Protein backbone atom coordinates (compact mmCIF):
# COMPACT_ATOMS: atom_id res chain seq x y z
CA MET A 1 0.00 0.00 0.00
CA SER A 2 2.89 2.37 0.70
CA GLY A 3 3.86 2.24 -2.96
CA GLU A 4 0.39 3.32 -3.97
CA LEU A 5 0.56 6.41 -1.79
CA THR A 6 3.37 7.86 -3.89
CA ARG A 7 1.37 7.31 -7.08
CA LEU A 8 -1.79 9.05 -5.97
CA THR A 9 -2.42 12.49 -7.43
CA PRO A 10 -4.29 15.25 -5.55
CA ARG A 11 -7.29 14.46 -7.75
CA ASP A 12 -7.09 10.79 -6.80
CA ARG A 13 -7.11 11.75 -3.14
CA LEU A 14 -10.11 13.99 -3.74
CA LEU A 15 -11.97 11.08 -5.30
CA LEU A 16 -11.15 8.85 -2.34
CA ASP A 17 -12.45 11.47 0.09
CA LEU A 18 -15.63 11.99 -1.93
CA LEU A 19 -16.35 8.27 -2.15
CA ASP A 20 -15.63 7.89 1.55
CA GLN A 21 -18.30 10.49 2.34
CA TYR A 22 -20.90 9.86 -0.37
CA LYS A 23 -20.38 6.14 -1.17
CA THR A 24 -20.83 6.10 -4.95
CA PHE A 25 -20.96 8.18 -8.12
CA THR A 26 -21.56 7.43 -11.77
CA THR A 27 -18.84 8.01 -14.36
CA ASP A 28 -20.57 11.18 -15.53
CA GLN A 29 -20.87 12.48 -11.99
CA ILE A 30 -17.16 11.92 -11.33
CA THR A 31 -16.36 13.67 -14.61
CA THR A 32 -18.35 16.70 -13.47
CA LEU A 33 -16.66 16.70 -10.08
CA ALA A 34 -13.05 16.30 -11.10
CA PHE A 35 -12.31 15.96 -14.82
CA THR A 36 -12.52 17.95 -18.02
CA SER A 37 -13.83 15.13 -20.23
CA VAL A 38 -15.48 11.74 -19.92
CA ALA A 39 -12.63 10.17 -21.87
CA ARG A 40 -10.01 11.38 -19.37
CA ALA A 41 -12.19 10.26 -16.50
CA ARG A 42 -12.64 6.77 -17.92
CA ILE A 43 -8.91 6.32 -18.44
CA ARG A 44 -7.97 7.35 -14.92
CA LEU A 45 -10.85 5.49 -13.27
CA GLY A 46 -9.82 2.34 -15.13
CA GLN A 47 -6.25 2.71 -13.91
CA LEU A 48 -7.38 3.15 -10.31
CA ARG A 49 -9.65 0.11 -10.60
CA ASP A 50 -6.80 -2.01 -11.97
CA ARG A 51 -4.86 -1.15 -8.80
CA ASP A 52 -7.84 -1.97 -6.53
CA ILE A 53 -8.00 1.63 -5.34
CA LEU A 54 -11.51 1.92 -6.78
CA ASP A 55 -14.19 -0.61 -7.60
CA ARG A 56 -17.27 -0.42 -9.80
CA PHE A 57 -20.59 -2.10 -10.49
CA ARG A 58 -23.63 -1.78 -12.71
CA HIS A 59 -26.79 -3.71 -13.47
CA TYR A 60 -27.78 -5.31 -16.72
CA GLN A 61 -30.33 -3.40 -18.73
CA ARG A 62 -31.74 -3.41 -22.23
CA PRO A 63 -31.18 -1.61 -24.47
CA GLY A 64 -27.66 -0.32 -23.93
CA SER A 65 -25.49 -0.47 -20.84
CA GLN A 66 -26.03 1.16 -17.49
CA SER A 67 -23.36 3.66 -16.47
CA TRP A 68 -20.74 2.31 -14.08
CA ARG A 69 -21.19 3.19 -10.44
CA TRP A 70 -17.86 3.77 -8.72
CA CYS A 71 -16.95 3.11 -5.10
CA LEU A 72 -13.91 2.41 -2.94
CA GLY A 73 -11.82 -0.64 -3.69
CA PRO A 74 -9.86 -2.62 -1.08
CA VAL A 75 -6.67 -0.60 -1.47
CA GLY A 76 -8.51 2.73 -1.49
CA ALA A 77 -10.43 1.79 1.65
CA ALA A 78 -7.18 0.74 3.33
CA ILE A 79 -5.49 4.03 2.42
CA LEU A 80 -8.36 5.99 3.95
CA ALA A 81 -8.43 3.82 7.07
CA ALA A 82 -4.70 4.30 7.57
CA GLY A 83 -5.11 8.04 7.20
CA HIS A 84 -7.86 8.05 9.84
CA GLY A 85 -5.89 5.85 12.21
CA ASP A 86 -8.46 3.07 11.88
CA THR A 87 -7.99 -0.68 11.58
CA LEU A 88 -7.36 -1.63 7.98
CA PRO A 89 -10.40 -3.38 6.48
CA ARG A 90 -10.12 -6.86 5.03
CA PRO A 91 -10.41 -6.87 1.22
CA ALA A 92 -13.31 -9.32 1.47
CA ALA A 93 -15.17 -6.94 3.79
CA VAL A 94 -14.74 -4.08 1.28
CA ARG A 95 -16.05 -6.29 -1.52
CA ASP A 96 -19.05 -7.21 0.64
CA THR A 97 -19.76 -3.51 1.20
CA THR A 98 -19.73 -2.95 -2.56
CA ALA A 99 -22.10 -5.88 -3.12
CA ARG A 100 -24.55 -4.58 -0.51
CA LEU A 101 -24.43 -1.12 -2.06
CA ALA A 102 -25.04 -2.51 -5.54
CA MET A 103 -28.13 -4.38 -4.32
CA SER A 104 -29.46 -1.69 -1.99
CA PRO A 105 -33.03 -0.59 -2.72
CA THR A 106 -32.01 2.95 -1.76
CA LEU A 107 -29.25 3.16 -4.39
CA PRO A 108 -31.36 5.17 -6.92
CA HIS A 109 -32.19 7.66 -4.19
CA LEU A 110 -28.54 7.95 -3.16
CA LEU A 111 -27.43 8.56 -6.75
CA ALA A 112 -30.18 11.16 -7.23
CA THR A 113 -29.16 12.96 -4.05
CA ASN A 114 -25.49 12.93 -4.97
CA GLY A 115 -26.45 14.05 -8.47
CA PHE A 116 -28.10 17.17 -7.08
CA PHE A 117 -24.93 18.28 -5.33
CA VAL A 118 -22.75 17.22 -8.26
CA ALA A 119 -24.85 19.44 -10.55
CA LEU A 120 -24.29 22.41 -8.25
CA THR A 121 -20.57 21.71 -8.19
CA GLY A 122 -20.48 21.48 -11.98
CA TYR A 123 -22.41 24.71 -12.37
CA GLY A 124 -19.95 26.44 -10.08
CA ARG A 125 -16.99 25.16 -12.10
CA ALA A 126 -18.51 26.35 -15.37
CA HIS A 127 -20.37 29.53 -14.46
CA GLY A 128 -19.29 30.69 -11.00
CA GLY A 129 -20.73 30.15 -7.60
CA ARG A 130 -19.57 27.60 -5.09
CA LEU A 131 -20.99 24.70 -3.13
CA ALA A 132 -19.53 25.84 0.17
CA ARG A 133 -20.87 22.91 2.17
CA TRP A 134 -22.20 19.46 1.35
CA TYR A 135 -23.39 17.09 4.06
CA ASN A 136 -24.46 13.52 3.38
CA GLU A 137 -27.60 12.11 5.02
CA THR A 138 -25.84 10.97 8.19
CA HIS A 139 -24.09 14.30 8.72
CA ALA A 140 -27.23 16.27 7.86
CA ARG A 141 -29.31 14.30 10.33
CA ALA A 142 -26.76 14.93 13.07
CA ALA A 143 -26.85 18.65 12.25
CA THR A 144 -30.59 18.67 12.99
CA GLY A 145 -30.09 17.00 16.36
CA ASN A 146 -31.87 13.94 14.90
CA LEU A 147 -35.15 15.88 14.82
CA VAL A 148 -35.53 15.22 11.11
CA ARG A 149 -33.82 13.19 8.38
CA PRO A 150 -32.86 15.39 5.42
CA ASP A 151 -31.34 13.65 2.44
CA GLY A 152 -28.58 16.23 2.53
CA HIS A 153 -27.59 19.72 3.57
CA GLY A 154 -25.67 22.30 1.64
CA VAL A 155 -24.72 25.93 1.35
CA TRP A 156 -24.70 27.54 -2.10
CA ALA A 157 -22.62 30.72 -2.32
CA SER A 158 -23.05 33.02 -5.32
CA GLY A 159 -22.93 36.75 -5.98
CA GLY A 160 -22.10 37.60 -2.39
CA ARG A 161 -25.07 35.60 -1.08
CA ALA A 162 -25.01 32.34 0.86
CA VAL A 163 -28.01 30.03 0.87
CA PRO A 164 -28.03 27.24 3.46
CA PHE A 165 -30.66 24.59 2.76
CA TRP A 166 -32.01 21.17 3.66
CA LEU A 167 -32.59 18.83 0.74
CA GLU A 168 -35.43 16.35 0.28
CA VAL A 169 -35.11 14.23 -2.85
CA ASP A 170 -38.41 12.77 -4.05
CA LEU A 171 -38.50 9.95 -6.61
CA GLY A 172 -42.28 9.87 -6.76
CA THR A 173 -42.54 6.68 -4.73
CA GLU A 174 -44.16 8.16 -1.60
CA THR A 175 -47.61 9.64 -1.14
CA LEU A 176 -47.73 13.42 -1.08
CA SER A 177 -49.13 13.26 2.44
CA ARG A 178 -45.99 11.50 3.58
CA VAL A 179 -43.77 13.97 1.72
CA VAL A 180 -45.50 16.99 3.24
CA GLY A 181 -45.53 15.31 6.64
CA LYS A 182 -41.77 15.68 6.78
CA LEU A 183 -42.19 19.41 7.32
CA THR A 184 -43.37 18.82 10.89
CA GLY A 185 -39.85 17.81 11.85
CA TYR A 186 -38.35 20.90 10.23
CA ALA A 187 -40.75 23.10 12.22
CA ALA A 188 -39.16 21.72 15.39
CA LEU A 189 -35.68 22.93 14.47
CA PRO A 190 -34.24 25.93 16.34
CA PRO A 191 -34.17 29.30 14.51
CA SER A 192 -30.45 28.86 13.82
CA ARG A 193 -31.29 25.82 11.68
CA ALA A 194 -34.47 27.13 10.02
CA TYR A 195 -33.02 26.88 6.53
CA PRO A 196 -35.23 26.60 3.43
CA VAL A 197 -36.40 23.05 2.71
CA LEU A 198 -35.82 22.19 -0.94
CA PHE A 199 -37.91 19.45 -2.56
CA TRP A 200 -36.20 18.02 -5.66
CA LEU A 201 -38.98 16.29 -7.59
CA PRO A 202 -38.96 14.09 -10.69
CA THR A 203 -41.48 16.00 -12.83
CA THR A 204 -43.28 19.33 -13.01
CA ALA A 205 -46.57 17.41 -12.75
CA ARG A 206 -45.49 15.95 -9.41
CA GLU A 207 -44.35 19.42 -8.38
CA ALA A 208 -47.73 20.98 -9.23
CA ASN A 209 -49.52 18.30 -7.24
CA LEU A 210 -47.27 18.94 -4.26
CA HIS A 211 -48.07 22.66 -4.31
CA THR A 212 -51.77 21.88 -4.49
CA HIS A 213 -51.36 19.65 -1.47
CA LEU A 214 -49.39 22.34 0.40
CA THR A 215 -52.10 24.90 -0.34
CA ARG A 216 -54.70 22.56 1.12
CA THR A 217 -52.77 21.51 4.24
CA GLY A 218 -50.71 24.63 4.90
CA ILE A 219 -47.04 24.89 5.86
CA PRO A 220 -45.92 24.81 9.50
CA ASP A 221 -44.92 28.16 10.98
CA GLY A 222 -41.25 28.97 10.62
CA VAL A 223 -40.72 26.68 7.64
CA SER A 224 -39.99 27.91 4.11
CA VAL A 225 -40.37 25.53 1.18
CA ALA A 226 -39.14 25.67 -2.42
CA THR A 227 -39.54 23.05 -5.12
CA ALA A 228 -37.97 22.19 -8.45
CA ALA A 229 -38.38 19.39 -10.99
CA VAL A 230 -35.62 17.32 -12.56
CA ASN A 231 -37.31 17.31 -15.97
CA HIS A 232 -37.41 21.12 -16.04
CA ALA A 233 -34.08 22.00 -14.41
CA PRO A 234 -31.71 21.36 -17.36
CA ASP A 235 -33.47 24.06 -19.39
CA VAL A 236 -32.66 26.76 -16.83
CA GLY A 237 -29.20 25.90 -15.53
CA GLY A 238 -29.92 22.96 -13.25
CA PRO A 239 -30.52 23.37 -9.51
CA ALA A 240 -28.52 26.61 -9.40
CA GLY A 241 -30.76 28.27 -11.98
CA ALA A 242 -34.15 29.93 -11.92
CA VAL A 243 -35.92 26.63 -11.34
CA TRP A 244 -37.19 27.10 -7.78
CA ARG A 245 -40.85 27.68 -7.03
CA VAL A 246 -41.36 29.07 -3.53
CA ALA A 247 -44.53 27.83 -1.87
CA GLY A 248 -47.10 30.61 -1.75
CA GLN A 249 -45.29 32.84 -4.24
CA PRO A 250 -45.60 33.24 -8.04
CA GLY A 251 -42.88 32.55 -10.56
CA ARG A 252 -39.51 30.88 -10.18
CA VAL A 253 -36.23 32.08 -8.75
CA SER A 254 -32.62 30.93 -8.73
CA LEU A 255 -31.10 29.11 -5.79
CA ALA A 256 -29.13 32.24 -4.86
CA ASP A 257 -32.41 34.16 -4.66
CA LEU A 258 -33.45 31.94 -1.75
CA ALA A 259 -30.85 33.62 0.48
CA PRO A 260 -32.46 34.44 3.84
CA ALA A 261 -33.25 38.02 4.83
CA ARG A 262 -31.18 39.65 7.53
CA ASP A 263 -33.36 38.17 10.23
CA GLY A 264 -33.34 34.72 8.65
CA ALA A 265 -31.33 31.72 9.75
CA PRO A 266 -27.64 32.59 9.46
CA TRP A 267 -25.08 30.31 7.88
CA ASP A 268 -22.58 29.27 10.50
CA GLY A 269 -19.73 28.93 8.00
């Protein structure tokens, strides 16, 4: 393993840290995060896989092939464990972790959540702005004091404004009552954590139905809600663009426009 340490580039180390925190990314997502082209990404990812630093998996589908999902390999996991002062994992245990991830029913949700933050990162690289903070589900839940379970937490910084937010990724598999019911937990957060709750929905039709439901049930006091749809976002710059519909307000605004007023919840960064 010591020989591998001397061969790792800063970008390789970044990938190891990202996979340690967020478990898996597709080839395209890794390209957006760290490379300038898919071809370059594929070459380097293949080299790291050949050295057992990374591993990959995908499921059979017709027609075509599913994109590879990348995760830590035995050597990569050992390098990270050594850096943290932890016991080095057995290669078989790392392979088992990959197999469980590949078969997890929550994998599509994890990839969609990671994809949201990857899109923000890519937008920042191409157009300006910065994802100043990105918490995975475990870290986000801890930040709420376990009062609620966001899918993630982030801070988007652009144009001198910082927008802290909680993220709820919806794949259309839950009833709208259950989706809206999550807001009760956010209402229990202290004012210092009363960030906007962003619902990232699969379609504009689902989004419209959610707003109808919110109008009927109301939103808990102290909670602000904004929604956007995956099928609409690419046309307006992705999640950083003017894709957000604030509950109770007309039109759409950019993510930066959701920055809290002076008396809103401050970002503690």
